[in-house]
């Protein structure tokens, strides 16, 4: 089915040119999104610099109340609010294997990172899936996003030796009070990250428990700094 989709898409592109994934208007060759739809995306313009939680533009020092005492990451960047049509694009990638969405979303996030004027990490770490979940889904959406970002930023991706060792329940199916316990001790890292500057890549950040657990694991392996790059923030 994926072959047939790619074949039909290639024929359509050659005959009609690329079209916007949201409105089907003509789109640039480099991005499946027209200029009008791109401008109307729910861009996250003002957010906490440690967890990307939306904040008023007047917020002091751009730090949310929680991150004043326990920062989620050294630097957090999310491109979009998790609301239409961003949530649709992410869901279609995640549960319907719409790989062109990974290219689009990864590039949008890479643009926002590049515009942020922050230190470039040594490598990216996509949030890993447990092998059981990876077999069921067939791919890791965070890895697909990381590939696009790595290409734009010219950095490497670290995956070997960093794993999810417990097949946790989907965080989105749990109450906020259950998510911390669900993800506790879920990650393991058996590589030496001494002195490394790491950026975690994920599709959506909600409560931040997954990112916090993975960041703690990476710091235990020696990471000097852990940043966060996410397509959307809930």
N, C-alpha and C. Protein backbone atom coordinates (compact mmCIF):
# COMPACT_ATOMS: atom_id res chain seq x y z
N UNK A 1 0.83 -1.21 0.00
CA UNK A 1 0.00 0.00 0.00
C UNK A 1 0.87 1.26 0.00
N UNK A 2 1.98 1.22 0.76
CA UNK A 2 2.86 2.38 0.78
C UNK A 2 3.45 2.61 -0.60
N UNK A 3 3.79 1.52 -1.32
CA UNK A 3 4.34 1.65 -2.67
C UNK A 3 3.33 2.31 -3.60
N UNK A 4 2.06 1.86 -3.52
CA UNK A 4 1.03 2.43 -4.38
C UNK A 4 0.81 3.90 -4.08
N UNK A 5 0.87 4.25 -2.78
CA UNK A 5 0.69 5.65 -2.40
C UNK A 5 1.81 6.51 -2.99
N UNK A 6 3.06 6.03 -2.82
CA UNK A 6 4.20 6.80 -3.33
C UNK A 6 4.14 6.92 -4.85
N UNK A 7 3.74 5.83 -5.52
CA UNK A 7 3.65 5.86 -6.97
C UNK A 7 2.61 6.87 -7.44
N UNK A 8 1.42 6.83 -6.82
CA UNK A 8 0.36 7.76 -7.23
C UNK A 8 0.74 9.19 -6.89
N UNK A 9 1.44 9.37 -5.76
CA UNK A 9 1.86 10.72 -5.38
C UNK A 9 2.89 11.26 -6.35
N UNK A 10 3.81 10.40 -6.79
CA UNK A 10 4.82 10.83 -7.75
C UNK A 10 4.19 11.25 -9.08
N UNK A 11 3.21 10.48 -9.53
CA UNK A 11 2.51 10.81 -10.78
C UNK A 11 1.78 12.14 -10.63
N UNK A 12 1.11 12.32 -9.50
CA UNK A 12 0.37 13.57 -9.26
C UNK A 12 1.32 14.77 -9.25
N UNK A 13 2.46 14.61 -8.58
CA UNK A 13 3.41 15.71 -8.48
C UNK A 13 3.96 16.08 -9.85
N UNK A 14 4.26 15.07 -10.68
CA UNK A 14 4.81 15.34 -12.00
C UNK A 14 3.79 16.02 -12.91
N UNK A 15 2.54 15.64 -12.78
CA UNK A 15 1.52 16.21 -13.66
C UNK A 15 0.99 17.55 -13.17
N UNK A 16 0.76 17.64 -11.88
CA UNK A 16 0.11 18.82 -11.32
C UNK A 16 1.00 19.67 -10.43
N UNK A 17 2.15 19.14 -10.03
CA UNK A 17 2.99 19.84 -9.07
C UNK A 17 2.55 19.52 -7.65
N UNK A 18 3.38 19.81 -6.65
CA UNK A 18 3.01 19.51 -5.26
C UNK A 18 1.83 20.34 -4.79
N UNK A 19 1.06 19.78 -3.87
CA UNK A 19 -0.10 20.49 -3.34
C UNK A 19 -0.02 20.56 -1.82
N UNK A 20 -0.65 21.57 -1.26
CA UNK A 20 -0.69 21.77 0.19
C UNK A 20 -1.45 20.64 0.86
N UNK A 21 -0.92 20.09 1.94
CA UNK A 21 -1.56 18.98 2.64
C UNK A 21 -2.83 19.42 3.36
N UNK A 22 -3.02 20.73 3.53
CA UNK A 22 -4.18 21.22 4.25
C UNK A 22 -5.29 21.72 3.35
N UNK A 23 -4.95 22.41 2.26
CA UNK A 23 -6.00 22.99 1.42
C UNK A 23 -5.93 22.56 -0.05
N UNK A 24 -4.88 21.80 -0.41
CA UNK A 24 -4.68 21.28 -1.77
C UNK A 24 -4.33 22.36 -2.79
N UNK A 25 -4.05 23.57 -2.34
CA UNK A 25 -3.56 24.59 -3.25
C UNK A 25 -2.13 24.27 -3.66
N UNK A 26 -1.64 24.84 -4.75
CA UNK A 26 -0.24 24.60 -5.13
C UNK A 26 0.70 24.96 -3.98
N UNK A 27 1.74 24.13 -3.81
CA UNK A 27 2.69 24.32 -2.71
C UNK A 27 4.11 24.32 -3.25
N UNK A 28 5.06 24.86 -2.51
CA UNK A 28 6.46 24.84 -2.96
C UNK A 28 6.99 23.42 -3.10
N UNK A 29 7.97 23.25 -3.94
CA UNK A 29 8.57 21.94 -4.13
C UNK A 29 9.22 21.43 -2.85
N UNK A 30 9.70 22.34 -2.02
CA UNK A 30 10.45 21.95 -0.84
C UNK A 30 9.57 21.71 0.39
N UNK A 31 8.28 22.04 0.31
CA UNK A 31 7.43 21.92 1.49
C UNK A 31 5.97 21.75 1.07
N UNK A 32 5.30 20.72 1.60
CA UNK A 32 3.93 20.43 1.19
C UNK A 32 2.92 21.31 1.94
N UNK A 33 3.17 22.61 1.90
CA UNK A 33 2.32 23.53 2.63
C UNK A 33 2.36 24.87 1.91
N UNK A 34 1.18 25.41 1.58
CA UNK A 34 1.15 26.69 0.90
C UNK A 34 1.45 27.81 1.90
N UNK A 35 1.78 28.98 1.38
CA UNK A 35 2.17 30.11 2.22
C UNK A 35 1.04 30.54 3.15
N UNK A 36 -0.21 30.53 2.66
CA UNK A 36 -1.33 30.97 3.49
C UNK A 36 -1.55 30.02 4.66
N UNK A 37 -1.54 28.71 4.40
CA UNK A 37 -1.75 27.73 5.47
C UNK A 37 -0.60 27.75 6.46
N UNK A 38 0.61 27.96 5.96
CA UNK A 38 1.76 28.04 6.87
C UNK A 38 1.62 29.22 7.81
N UNK A 39 1.18 30.35 7.28
CA UNK A 39 1.02 31.54 8.11
C UNK A 39 -0.06 31.36 9.17
N UNK A 40 -1.06 30.53 8.86
CA UNK A 40 -2.19 30.35 9.77
C UNK A 40 -2.00 29.21 10.76
N UNK A 41 -0.86 28.53 10.72
CA UNK A 41 -0.60 27.48 11.70
C UNK A 41 -0.59 28.08 13.12
N UNK A 42 -0.93 27.29 14.13
CA UNK A 42 -0.96 27.81 15.51
C UNK A 42 0.45 27.93 16.09
N UNK A 43 1.21 28.88 15.58
CA UNK A 43 2.59 29.05 16.01
C UNK A 43 2.67 29.41 17.50
N UNK A 44 3.63 28.82 18.17
CA UNK A 44 3.84 29.10 19.59
C UNK A 44 4.85 30.24 19.69
N UNK A 45 4.37 31.42 19.97
CA UNK A 45 5.19 32.62 19.88
C UNK A 45 5.87 32.98 21.19
N UNK A 46 5.24 32.71 22.32
CA UNK A 46 5.81 33.06 23.61
C UNK A 46 5.67 31.87 24.55
N UNK A 47 6.81 31.36 25.05
CA UNK A 47 6.77 30.14 25.84
C UNK A 47 7.91 30.11 26.85
N UNK A 48 7.76 29.27 27.85
CA UNK A 48 8.80 29.05 28.84
C UNK A 48 10.05 28.51 28.15
N UNK A 49 11.17 29.07 28.46
CA UNK A 49 12.39 28.66 27.78
C UNK A 49 12.90 27.30 28.25
N UNK A 50 12.33 26.77 29.34
CA UNK A 50 12.78 25.47 29.86
C UNK A 50 11.84 24.32 29.53
N UNK A 51 10.56 24.61 29.23
CA UNK A 51 9.62 23.52 28.95
C UNK A 51 8.69 23.81 27.78
N UNK A 52 8.79 25.02 27.19
CA UNK A 52 7.99 25.44 26.04
C UNK A 52 6.50 25.60 26.34
N UNK A 53 6.13 25.65 27.61
CA UNK A 53 4.74 25.93 27.96
C UNK A 53 4.39 27.35 27.55
N UNK A 54 3.23 27.52 26.91
CA UNK A 54 2.82 28.85 26.45
C UNK A 54 2.72 29.82 27.62
N UNK A 55 3.28 31.01 27.43
CA UNK A 55 3.26 32.05 28.45
C UNK A 55 2.86 33.38 27.82
N UNK A 56 2.31 34.30 28.60
CA UNK A 56 2.05 35.64 28.07
C UNK A 56 3.38 36.28 27.64
N UNK A 57 3.31 37.12 26.65
CA UNK A 57 4.52 37.78 26.16
C UNK A 57 5.19 38.62 27.24
N UNK A 58 4.41 39.00 28.28
CA UNK A 58 4.95 39.85 29.34
C UNK A 58 5.54 39.05 30.49
N UNK A 59 5.54 37.72 30.42
CA UNK A 59 6.03 36.89 31.52
C UNK A 59 7.49 37.19 31.83
N UNK A 60 7.79 37.33 33.11
CA UNK A 60 9.14 37.68 33.53
C UNK A 60 10.13 36.57 33.21
N UNK A 61 11.18 36.90 32.52
CA UNK A 61 12.29 35.98 32.22
C UNK A 61 11.86 34.76 31.40
N UNK A 62 10.62 34.73 30.94
CA UNK A 62 10.11 33.60 30.14
C UNK A 62 10.36 32.26 30.82
N UNK A 63 10.00 32.18 32.09
CA UNK A 63 10.13 30.93 32.84
C UNK A 63 8.81 30.69 33.57
N UNK A 64 8.23 29.51 33.38
CA UNK A 64 6.96 29.20 34.06
C UNK A 64 7.21 28.90 35.53
N UNK A 65 6.15 28.85 36.30
CA UNK A 65 6.29 28.66 37.74
C UNK A 65 6.97 27.34 38.08
N UNK A 66 6.61 26.26 37.39
CA UNK A 66 7.19 24.95 37.69
C UNK A 66 8.69 24.93 37.40
N UNK A 67 9.10 25.55 36.30
CA UNK A 67 10.50 25.50 35.89
C UNK A 67 11.39 26.43 36.71
N UNK A 68 10.80 27.29 37.53
CA UNK A 68 11.62 28.13 38.41
C UNK A 68 12.35 27.28 39.44
N UNK A 69 11.74 26.17 39.82
CA UNK A 69 12.36 25.29 40.82
C UNK A 69 12.88 23.99 40.23
N UNK A 70 12.28 23.55 39.11
CA UNK A 70 12.69 22.27 38.52
C UNK A 70 12.57 22.34 37.00
N UNK A 71 13.55 22.91 36.33
CA UNK A 71 13.48 23.06 34.87
C UNK A 71 13.38 21.71 34.17
N UNK A 72 12.54 21.66 33.14
CA UNK A 72 12.41 20.42 32.37
C UNK A 72 13.64 20.20 31.51
N UNK A 73 14.17 21.25 30.91
CA UNK A 73 15.34 21.16 30.04
C UNK A 73 16.10 22.48 30.13
N UNK A 74 17.34 22.46 29.68
CA UNK A 74 18.11 23.70 29.67
C UNK A 74 17.48 24.71 28.71
N UNK A 75 17.13 24.24 27.53
CA UNK A 75 16.47 25.07 26.53
C UNK A 75 15.41 24.22 25.84
N UNK A 76 14.19 24.71 25.78
CA UNK A 76 13.09 23.97 25.14
C UNK A 76 12.51 24.81 24.01
N UNK A 77 12.32 24.17 22.87
CA UNK A 77 11.72 24.84 21.73
C UNK A 77 10.61 23.96 21.17
N UNK A 78 9.42 24.52 21.07
CA UNK A 78 8.29 23.87 20.40
C UNK A 78 7.80 24.84 19.33
N UNK A 79 7.50 24.31 18.16
CA UNK A 79 7.11 25.18 17.05
C UNK A 79 5.66 25.61 17.14
N UNK A 80 4.78 24.70 17.59
CA UNK A 80 3.34 24.93 17.46
C UNK A 80 2.59 24.61 18.75
N UNK A 81 1.43 25.22 18.90
CA UNK A 81 0.47 24.76 19.89
C UNK A 81 -0.14 23.45 19.39
N UNK A 82 -0.46 22.55 20.31
CA UNK A 82 -1.08 21.28 19.91
C UNK A 82 -2.59 21.48 19.77
N UNK A 83 -2.95 22.07 18.65
CA UNK A 83 -4.36 22.29 18.33
C UNK A 83 -4.47 22.32 16.80
N UNK A 84 -5.71 22.27 16.26
CA UNK A 84 -5.86 22.18 14.80
C UNK A 84 -5.14 23.33 14.08
N UNK A 85 -4.54 22.99 12.92
CA UNK A 85 -4.45 21.67 12.30
C UNK A 85 -3.18 20.89 12.68
N UNK A 86 -2.39 21.45 13.62
CA UNK A 86 -1.15 20.77 14.00
C UNK A 86 -1.42 19.39 14.58
N UNK A 87 -2.47 19.29 15.42
CA UNK A 87 -2.77 17.99 16.02
C UNK A 87 -3.14 16.97 14.95
N UNK A 88 -3.85 17.40 13.90
CA UNK A 88 -4.23 16.49 12.80
C UNK A 88 -2.99 16.01 12.06
N UNK A 89 -2.07 16.91 11.76
CA UNK A 89 -0.85 16.54 11.05
C UNK A 89 -0.05 15.51 11.86
N UNK A 90 0.08 15.75 13.16
CA UNK A 90 0.85 14.84 14.02
C UNK A 90 0.16 13.49 14.15
N UNK A 91 -1.16 13.51 14.34
CA UNK A 91 -1.90 12.25 14.49
C UNK A 91 -1.85 11.42 13.22
N UNK A 92 -1.95 12.06 12.08
CA UNK A 92 -1.88 11.33 10.80
C UNK A 92 -0.51 10.71 10.60
N UNK A 93 0.53 11.39 11.04
CA UNK A 93 1.86 10.80 10.98
C UNK A 93 1.96 9.62 11.92
N UNK A 94 1.55 9.82 13.14
CA UNK A 94 1.78 8.86 14.21
C UNK A 94 0.96 7.58 14.03
N UNK A 95 -0.29 7.71 13.65
CA UNK A 95 -1.19 6.55 13.63
C UNK A 95 -1.63 6.13 12.24
N UNK A 96 -1.30 6.92 11.22
CA UNK A 96 -1.65 6.56 9.85
C UNK A 96 -0.45 6.52 8.92
N UNK A 97 0.75 6.62 9.52
CA UNK A 97 2.01 6.48 8.77
C UNK A 97 2.10 7.43 7.58
N UNK A 98 1.62 8.66 7.74
CA UNK A 98 1.75 9.65 6.67
C UNK A 98 3.14 10.27 6.75
N UNK A 99 4.10 9.61 6.12
CA UNK A 99 5.50 10.01 6.22
C UNK A 99 5.79 11.41 5.68
N UNK A 100 5.07 11.88 4.64
CA UNK A 100 5.32 13.27 4.22
C UNK A 100 5.09 14.28 5.35
N UNK A 101 4.24 13.92 6.32
CA UNK A 101 4.02 14.82 7.44
C UNK A 101 5.26 14.92 8.32
N UNK A 102 6.04 13.83 8.39
CA UNK A 102 7.29 13.87 9.17
C UNK A 102 8.26 14.86 8.53
N UNK A 103 8.33 14.84 7.22
CA UNK A 103 9.20 15.77 6.52
C UNK A 103 8.76 17.21 6.77
N UNK A 104 7.47 17.47 6.64
CA UNK A 104 6.94 18.81 6.83
C UNK A 104 7.13 19.29 8.26
N UNK A 105 6.71 18.48 9.23
CA UNK A 105 6.79 18.88 10.63
C UNK A 105 8.23 19.01 11.10
N UNK A 106 9.09 18.09 10.63
CA UNK A 106 10.49 18.18 10.97
C UNK A 106 11.13 19.45 10.46
N UNK A 107 10.78 19.83 9.23
CA UNK A 107 11.33 21.04 8.65
C UNK A 107 10.80 22.30 9.35
N UNK A 108 9.52 22.29 9.72
CA UNK A 108 8.96 23.44 10.45
C UNK A 108 9.67 23.61 11.79
N UNK A 109 9.91 22.48 12.49
CA UNK A 109 10.59 22.56 13.77
C UNK A 109 12.04 23.01 13.58
N UNK A 110 12.70 22.50 12.55
CA UNK A 110 14.09 22.89 12.28
C UNK A 110 14.19 24.39 12.00
N UNK A 111 13.21 24.94 11.30
CA UNK A 111 13.19 26.38 11.04
C UNK A 111 13.11 27.17 12.33
N UNK A 112 12.26 26.70 13.23
CA UNK A 112 12.09 27.40 14.51
C UNK A 112 13.36 27.29 15.36
N UNK A 113 14.01 26.14 15.33
CA UNK A 113 15.26 25.97 16.08
C UNK A 113 16.33 26.91 15.54
N UNK A 114 16.46 26.94 14.22
CA UNK A 114 17.48 27.78 13.60
C UNK A 114 17.25 29.25 13.90
N UNK A 115 15.98 29.64 14.01
CA UNK A 115 15.65 31.04 14.29
C UNK A 115 15.84 31.40 15.76
N UNK A 116 16.02 30.38 16.61
CA UNK A 116 16.12 30.61 18.04
C UNK A 116 17.48 31.09 18.51
N UNK A 117 18.47 31.01 17.66
CA UNK A 117 19.82 31.49 18.00
C UNK A 117 20.31 30.87 19.30
N UNK A 118 20.27 29.54 19.38
CA UNK A 118 20.74 28.83 20.56
C UNK A 118 21.91 27.93 20.17
N UNK A 119 22.61 27.43 21.16
CA UNK A 119 23.77 26.58 20.91
C UNK A 119 23.34 25.29 20.22
N UNK A 120 24.07 24.89 19.20
CA UNK A 120 23.78 23.66 18.47
C UNK A 120 24.21 22.47 19.30
N UNK A 121 23.35 21.46 19.48
CA UNK A 121 23.73 20.30 20.29
C UNK A 121 24.75 19.42 19.58
N UNK A 122 25.41 18.58 20.36
CA UNK A 122 26.33 17.60 19.78
C UNK A 122 25.58 16.52 19.01
N UNK A 123 24.40 16.16 19.51
CA UNK A 123 23.59 15.15 18.82
C UNK A 123 22.14 15.23 19.29
N UNK A 124 21.26 14.61 18.52
CA UNK A 124 19.84 14.52 18.83
C UNK A 124 19.52 13.13 19.36
N UNK A 125 18.59 13.06 20.30
CA UNK A 125 18.11 11.78 20.82
C UNK A 125 16.59 11.75 20.66
N UNK A 126 16.07 11.07 19.64
CA UNK A 126 14.61 10.92 19.54
C UNK A 126 14.09 10.05 20.68
N UNK A 127 12.96 10.42 21.24
CA UNK A 127 12.38 9.62 22.33
C UNK A 127 12.16 8.20 21.82
N UNK A 128 12.80 7.21 22.44
CA UNK A 128 12.70 5.84 21.90
C UNK A 128 11.36 5.17 22.21
N UNK A 129 10.97 4.28 21.32
CA UNK A 129 9.82 3.41 21.55
C UNK A 129 10.32 2.06 22.05
N UNK A 130 9.51 1.38 22.83
CA UNK A 130 9.83 0.01 23.22
C UNK A 130 9.75 -0.87 21.97
N UNK A 131 10.61 -1.91 21.86
CA UNK A 131 10.58 -2.77 20.67
C UNK A 131 9.21 -3.31 20.31
N UNK A 132 8.38 -3.60 21.30
CA UNK A 132 7.03 -4.11 21.01
C UNK A 132 6.21 -3.04 20.30
N UNK A 133 6.25 -1.81 20.82
CA UNK A 133 5.52 -0.71 20.20
C UNK A 133 6.09 -0.35 18.84
N UNK A 134 7.40 -0.46 18.70
CA UNK A 134 8.02 -0.17 17.42
C UNK A 134 7.58 -1.16 16.35
N UNK A 135 7.49 -2.44 16.71
CA UNK A 135 7.03 -3.46 15.76
C UNK A 135 5.57 -3.21 15.38
N UNK A 136 4.75 -2.82 16.34
CA UNK A 136 3.34 -2.59 16.07
C UNK A 136 3.14 -1.38 15.14
N UNK A 137 3.88 -0.31 15.39
CA UNK A 137 3.71 0.91 14.60
C UNK A 137 4.51 0.85 13.30
N UNK A 138 5.65 0.19 13.34
CA UNK A 138 6.47 0.07 12.15
C UNK A 138 7.53 1.14 12.00
N UNK A 139 7.47 2.17 12.83
CA UNK A 139 8.43 3.27 12.78
C UNK A 139 8.31 4.08 14.07
N UNK A 140 9.32 4.88 14.33
CA UNK A 140 9.31 5.80 15.47
C UNK A 140 9.16 7.21 14.93
N UNK A 141 8.05 7.86 15.20
CA UNK A 141 7.80 9.18 14.63
C UNK A 141 8.83 10.19 15.12
N UNK A 142 9.32 10.05 16.36
CA UNK A 142 10.34 10.97 16.85
C UNK A 142 11.64 10.82 16.06
N UNK A 143 11.96 9.59 15.68
CA UNK A 143 13.15 9.36 14.88
C UNK A 143 13.01 10.00 13.50
N UNK A 144 11.84 9.86 12.88
CA UNK A 144 11.63 10.46 11.56
C UNK A 144 11.76 11.99 11.62
N UNK A 145 11.24 12.58 12.69
CA UNK A 145 11.38 14.02 12.85
C UNK A 145 12.85 14.39 13.06
N UNK A 146 13.54 13.60 13.87
CA UNK A 146 14.95 13.88 14.17
C UNK A 146 15.80 13.82 12.90
N UNK A 147 15.47 12.93 11.98
CA UNK A 147 16.23 12.83 10.73
C UNK A 147 16.18 14.15 9.98
N UNK A 148 15.00 14.75 9.90
CA UNK A 148 14.87 16.01 9.17
C UNK A 148 15.62 17.13 9.88
N UNK A 149 15.51 17.16 11.20
CA UNK A 149 16.19 18.21 11.96
C UNK A 149 17.70 18.05 11.87
N UNK A 150 18.18 16.81 11.98
CA UNK A 150 19.62 16.55 11.90
C UNK A 150 20.17 17.00 10.56
N UNK A 151 19.40 16.79 9.50
CA UNK A 151 19.84 17.20 8.17
C UNK A 151 19.95 18.72 8.08
N UNK A 152 18.98 19.42 8.67
CA UNK A 152 18.98 20.88 8.59
C UNK A 152 20.06 21.50 9.48
N UNK A 153 20.30 20.89 10.65
CA UNK A 153 21.26 21.46 11.59
C UNK A 153 22.66 20.89 11.43
N UNK A 154 22.77 19.85 10.60
CA UNK A 154 24.06 19.18 10.37
C UNK A 154 24.63 18.61 11.68
N UNK A 155 23.79 17.86 12.39
CA UNK A 155 24.23 17.17 13.60
C UNK A 155 23.88 15.70 13.48
N UNK A 156 24.43 14.89 14.37
CA UNK A 156 24.19 13.45 14.33
C UNK A 156 22.99 13.07 15.20
N UNK A 157 22.55 11.83 15.04
CA UNK A 157 21.47 11.28 15.85
C UNK A 157 22.03 10.12 16.66
N UNK A 158 21.81 10.14 17.97
CA UNK A 158 22.27 9.06 18.85
C UNK A 158 21.08 8.18 19.21
N UNK A 159 21.17 6.91 18.85
CA UNK A 159 20.08 5.97 19.17
C UNK A 159 20.61 4.69 19.82
N UNK A 160 21.73 4.20 19.36
CA UNK A 160 22.26 2.96 19.91
C UNK A 160 22.61 3.13 21.38
N UNK A 161 22.19 2.18 22.18
CA UNK A 161 22.48 2.22 23.60
C UNK A 161 21.52 3.04 24.42
N UNK A 162 20.56 3.71 23.77
CA UNK A 162 19.54 4.48 24.47
C UNK A 162 18.20 3.85 24.13
N UNK A 163 17.53 3.29 25.11
CA UNK A 163 16.34 2.50 24.82
C UNK A 163 15.26 2.68 25.86
N UNK A 164 14.05 2.32 25.44
CA UNK A 164 12.92 2.25 26.37
C UNK A 164 12.81 0.79 26.78
N UNK A 165 13.07 0.50 28.03
CA UNK A 165 13.14 -0.89 28.45
C UNK A 165 11.82 -1.44 28.98
N UNK A 166 10.86 -0.57 29.18
CA UNK A 166 9.52 -1.03 29.59
C UNK A 166 8.50 -0.59 28.56
N UNK A 167 7.58 -1.51 28.23
CA UNK A 167 6.51 -1.19 27.28
C UNK A 167 5.41 -0.45 28.04
N UNK A 168 5.58 0.84 28.21
CA UNK A 168 4.65 1.65 28.98
C UNK A 168 3.34 1.85 28.22
N UNK A 169 2.31 2.19 28.95
CA UNK A 169 1.04 2.56 28.32
C UNK A 169 1.21 3.91 27.63
N UNK A 170 0.37 4.16 26.63
CA UNK A 170 0.40 5.46 25.97
C UNK A 170 0.06 6.55 26.98
N UNK A 171 0.95 7.55 27.09
CA UNK A 171 0.74 8.62 28.05
C UNK A 171 -0.58 9.35 27.80
N UNK A 172 -0.96 9.47 26.54
CA UNK A 172 -2.18 10.21 26.20
C UNK A 172 -3.44 9.53 26.71
N UNK A 173 -3.32 8.23 27.06
CA UNK A 173 -4.48 7.49 27.56
C UNK A 173 -4.60 7.56 29.07
N UNK A 174 -3.65 8.22 29.74
CA UNK A 174 -3.62 8.24 31.19
C UNK A 174 -3.92 9.63 31.74
N UNK A 175 -4.41 9.65 32.97
CA UNK A 175 -4.60 10.92 33.66
C UNK A 175 -3.24 11.48 34.01
N UNK A 176 -3.18 12.80 34.18
CA UNK A 176 -1.91 13.45 34.48
C UNK A 176 -1.26 12.85 35.72
N UNK A 177 -2.06 12.48 36.71
CA UNK A 177 -1.53 11.92 37.96
C UNK A 177 -0.91 10.54 37.77
N UNK A 178 -1.27 9.85 36.68
CA UNK A 178 -0.76 8.50 36.43
C UNK A 178 0.47 8.48 35.53
N UNK A 179 0.75 9.56 34.87
CA UNK A 179 1.79 9.56 33.85
C UNK A 179 3.19 9.44 34.43
N UNK A 180 3.44 10.05 35.58
CA UNK A 180 4.77 9.98 36.16
C UNK A 180 5.12 8.55 36.53
N UNK A 181 4.19 7.84 37.17
CA UNK A 181 4.44 6.45 37.56
C UNK A 181 4.59 5.56 36.33
N UNK A 182 3.83 5.85 35.29
CA UNK A 182 3.88 5.04 34.08
C UNK A 182 5.25 5.07 33.42
N UNK A 183 5.93 6.21 33.49
CA UNK A 183 7.18 6.39 32.76
C UNK A 183 8.41 6.20 33.65
N UNK A 184 8.21 5.99 34.95
CA UNK A 184 9.33 5.88 35.88
C UNK A 184 10.24 4.70 35.51
N UNK A 185 11.54 4.96 35.44
CA UNK A 185 12.55 3.93 35.11
C UNK A 185 12.28 3.26 33.77
N UNK A 186 11.64 3.98 32.85
CA UNK A 186 11.32 3.37 31.55
C UNK A 186 12.50 3.37 30.60
N UNK A 187 13.49 4.25 30.82
CA UNK A 187 14.59 4.40 29.87
C UNK A 187 15.91 3.90 30.46
N UNK A 188 16.78 3.48 29.56
CA UNK A 188 18.10 3.02 29.95
C UNK A 188 19.11 3.52 28.93
N UNK A 189 20.32 3.83 29.41
CA UNK A 189 21.38 4.31 28.52
C UNK A 189 22.69 3.65 28.93
N UNK A 190 23.30 2.90 28.02
CA UNK A 190 24.56 2.23 28.34
C UNK A 190 25.71 2.77 27.49
N UNK A 191 25.61 4.02 27.06
CA UNK A 191 26.70 4.68 26.35
C UNK A 191 27.22 5.83 27.20
N UNK A 192 28.48 6.18 27.00
CA UNK A 192 29.10 7.26 27.74
C UNK A 192 28.79 8.59 27.07
N UNK A 193 28.06 9.44 27.74
CA UNK A 193 27.69 10.75 27.21
C UNK A 193 28.42 11.87 27.93
N UNK A 194 29.55 11.56 28.53
CA UNK A 194 30.27 12.52 29.36
C UNK A 194 30.52 13.83 28.60
N UNK A 195 30.02 14.92 29.17
CA UNK A 195 30.24 16.24 28.62
C UNK A 195 29.42 16.60 27.40
N UNK A 196 28.52 15.71 26.97
CA UNK A 196 27.78 15.93 25.73
C UNK A 196 26.61 16.90 25.92
N UNK A 197 26.34 17.66 24.87
CA UNK A 197 25.15 18.51 24.79
C UNK A 197 24.14 17.78 23.92
N UNK A 198 23.04 17.35 24.54
CA UNK A 198 22.03 16.52 23.88
C UNK A 198 20.75 17.31 23.71
N UNK A 199 20.04 17.06 22.62
CA UNK A 199 18.69 17.62 22.44
C UNK A 199 17.73 16.46 22.20
N UNK A 200 16.76 16.31 23.08
CA UNK A 200 15.71 15.31 22.93
C UNK A 200 14.72 15.80 21.88
N UNK A 201 14.28 14.89 21.01
CA UNK A 201 13.31 15.23 19.97
C UNK A 201 12.04 14.43 20.19
N UNK A 202 10.89 15.11 20.19
CA UNK A 202 9.60 14.42 20.34
C UNK A 202 8.55 15.15 19.50
N UNK A 203 7.42 14.48 19.29
CA UNK A 203 6.36 15.10 18.50
C UNK A 203 5.54 16.07 19.34
N UNK A 204 5.07 15.61 20.51
CA UNK A 204 4.22 16.44 21.37
C UNK A 204 4.69 16.34 22.81
N UNK A 205 4.70 17.45 23.51
CA UNK A 205 4.96 17.47 24.95
C UNK A 205 3.67 17.89 25.65
N UNK A 206 3.26 17.08 26.61
CA UNK A 206 2.05 17.42 27.38
C UNK A 206 2.44 17.75 28.82
N UNK A 207 2.49 16.76 29.68
CA UNK A 207 2.89 17.02 31.07
C UNK A 207 4.41 17.12 31.21
N UNK A 208 5.15 16.56 30.27
CA UNK A 208 6.61 16.60 30.33
C UNK A 208 7.24 15.44 31.07
N UNK A 209 6.44 14.49 31.56
CA UNK A 209 6.99 13.38 32.34
C UNK A 209 7.93 12.51 31.51
N UNK A 210 7.57 12.25 30.25
CA UNK A 210 8.42 11.43 29.40
C UNK A 210 9.76 12.10 29.17
N UNK A 211 9.73 13.37 28.84
CA UNK A 211 10.97 14.12 28.61
C UNK A 211 11.82 14.16 29.88
N UNK A 212 11.19 14.39 31.02
CA UNK A 212 11.94 14.47 32.27
C UNK A 212 12.62 13.15 32.59
N UNK A 213 11.91 12.04 32.38
CA UNK A 213 12.50 10.72 32.67
C UNK A 213 13.67 10.43 31.74
N UNK A 214 13.52 10.74 30.45
CA UNK A 214 14.60 10.50 29.50
C UNK A 214 15.78 11.43 29.78
N UNK A 215 15.51 12.68 30.09
CA UNK A 215 16.58 13.64 30.38
C UNK A 215 17.38 13.19 31.60
N UNK A 216 16.70 12.69 32.63
CA UNK A 216 17.39 12.21 33.83
C UNK A 216 18.29 11.03 33.49
N UNK A 217 17.82 10.15 32.61
CA UNK A 217 18.61 9.01 32.17
C UNK A 217 19.87 9.48 31.42
N UNK A 218 19.72 10.46 30.56
CA UNK A 218 20.85 10.97 29.78
C UNK A 218 21.86 11.68 30.68
N UNK A 219 21.36 12.41 31.65
CA UNK A 219 22.28 13.08 32.59
C UNK A 219 23.03 12.06 33.43
N UNK A 220 22.37 10.98 33.80
CA UNK A 220 23.04 9.93 34.57
C UNK A 220 24.17 9.29 33.77
N UNK A 221 24.03 9.32 32.43
CA UNK A 221 25.07 8.78 31.56
C UNK A 221 26.16 9.80 31.27
N UNK A 222 26.06 11.00 31.88
CA UNK A 222 27.11 11.98 31.77
C UNK A 222 26.80 13.22 30.94
N UNK A 223 25.60 13.30 30.35
CA UNK A 223 25.28 14.47 29.51
C UNK A 223 25.44 15.76 30.32
N UNK A 224 26.12 16.71 29.74
CA UNK A 224 26.35 18.01 30.39
C UNK A 224 25.13 18.90 30.31
N UNK A 225 24.43 18.84 29.17
CA UNK A 225 23.27 19.69 28.94
C UNK A 225 22.25 18.92 28.14
N UNK A 226 20.97 19.07 28.50
CA UNK A 226 19.89 18.41 27.78
C UNK A 226 18.85 19.45 27.38
N UNK A 227 18.65 19.62 26.08
CA UNK A 227 17.62 20.51 25.55
C UNK A 227 16.44 19.68 25.06
N UNK A 228 15.40 20.36 24.66
CA UNK A 228 14.19 19.71 24.16
C UNK A 228 13.73 20.39 22.90
N UNK A 229 13.49 19.59 21.83
CA UNK A 229 12.88 20.07 20.61
C UNK A 229 11.60 19.29 20.38
N UNK A 230 10.47 19.96 20.29
CA UNK A 230 9.20 19.30 20.05
C UNK A 230 8.41 20.04 18.99
N UNK A 231 7.68 19.30 18.19
CA UNK A 231 6.85 19.93 17.16
C UNK A 231 5.76 20.77 17.83
N UNK A 232 5.12 20.22 18.85
CA UNK A 232 3.99 20.92 19.45
C UNK A 232 4.00 20.78 20.97
N UNK A 233 3.40 21.77 21.62
CA UNK A 233 3.26 21.78 23.08
C UNK A 233 1.80 21.87 23.43
N UNK A 234 1.35 20.94 24.25
CA UNK A 234 -0.05 20.94 24.70
C UNK A 234 -0.20 21.87 25.90
